Amino acid sequence: MSASGGTKAIVAALAANLAIAVAKFVAFLFSGSSSMLAESVHSLADSGNQGLLLVGGKRAQREATPQHPFGYGRERYIYAFLVSIVLFSVGGMFAIYEGYEKIKHPHEIEAWYWPVGVLVFAIIAETFSFRTAIKESNEVRGNLSWKEFVRRAKAPELPVVLLEDLGALVGLILALGGVSVALATGNGVWDGIGTLCIGVLLIAIAIVLAAETKSLLLGESAGVDEVKKIEDAIVDGSTVTRLIHMRTLHLGPEELLVAAKIAVRHDDSASDVARSINAAEERIRAAVPIARVIYLEPDIYSEKSTAAPASDAPGAPGV
């Protein structure tokens, strides 16, 4: 997944959320609707989240240093994790607090046309943002289902924007429902109930995002397809006769580390082995371009040499 593709979706979401946040807050000032206040804070938090994703993408592009020899690609994971924290604390917890207060101290919604009009406008704007995120995701998700895409994506930006936009759309519908029922019944408690539902929704999305980005931060192996391509590329049958075992690790969304022990012929000279390793590295990079850091250890194959630490799914052994 390219950074550029994610950036388009982030910018679209940022523009939509900034406009929506201002409109929602104005509607809250005129109507006193707690759903509108919760939604305005939600949109403001989402805007901040998109800013964090853009900052993370920029910082991840820094060159490697002696102190950080593998570069800064994981900064994108760190900022995506911060997004989940902001969504949980600023968005979800604030909405639950506002909903509780409105249920405890209900009051009638004033100037009903403000919240209703703004919510309709917000639904249209969020639909545009969500459509952009879906379009960008479809270019990279291949045959994966949406659930699999969110769980397996190594670049965090598009899954984050997708879930945020989905949560925003559902939250807007909940807010519109709460405001509508409150207006129909004259009971402001329904506005508070809608706000509570928004808070629960945001917290649920934040937990999903935190779990997925935590996995990326800990370090994930290459995908099943990429592992298979690397295994096929390493062994040529003549100079490299077998893959004994292999480990892969994402140093960032678009940078993969490959470490493998390979079997070479017992009568090969040192120069033959060196050429075999160089050729294998070239084949790996041709098959999987994001495999930029490669360490291959030559060995003479035996049953004992296949012993390796517990494999990391979906990675190997490839014997």
Foldseek 3Di string as FASTA:
>chain_A
DDPVLLLVLLVLLLVLLVVLLVLLVVLCVQWVQLLSVLLSQLSVLSNVLSVLLVVLVVQQPDAADPVRNLGRQLSNLVSLLVSLVSLQPRRQVVLQVSLVVCLVPPAATGPLCSLLVSLVVSLVSLVVSLVSLVVSLVVPPPPDDPVCCCQQQQRNSSSSSNLSSVLSNVLSVLQNVLSVVCVVVVIRNSSSVSSNVSSVSSNVSSVSSNVRSVVSSVWAFDDPVLQVQLLVLLDPCAAFNHWLAKTKTDPHSQAIEIETETEGDPPDDPVSNVVSVVSSVVSSCVRRVNHPHYHYHYDHDDPVSSDDPDHHPPHDDPD
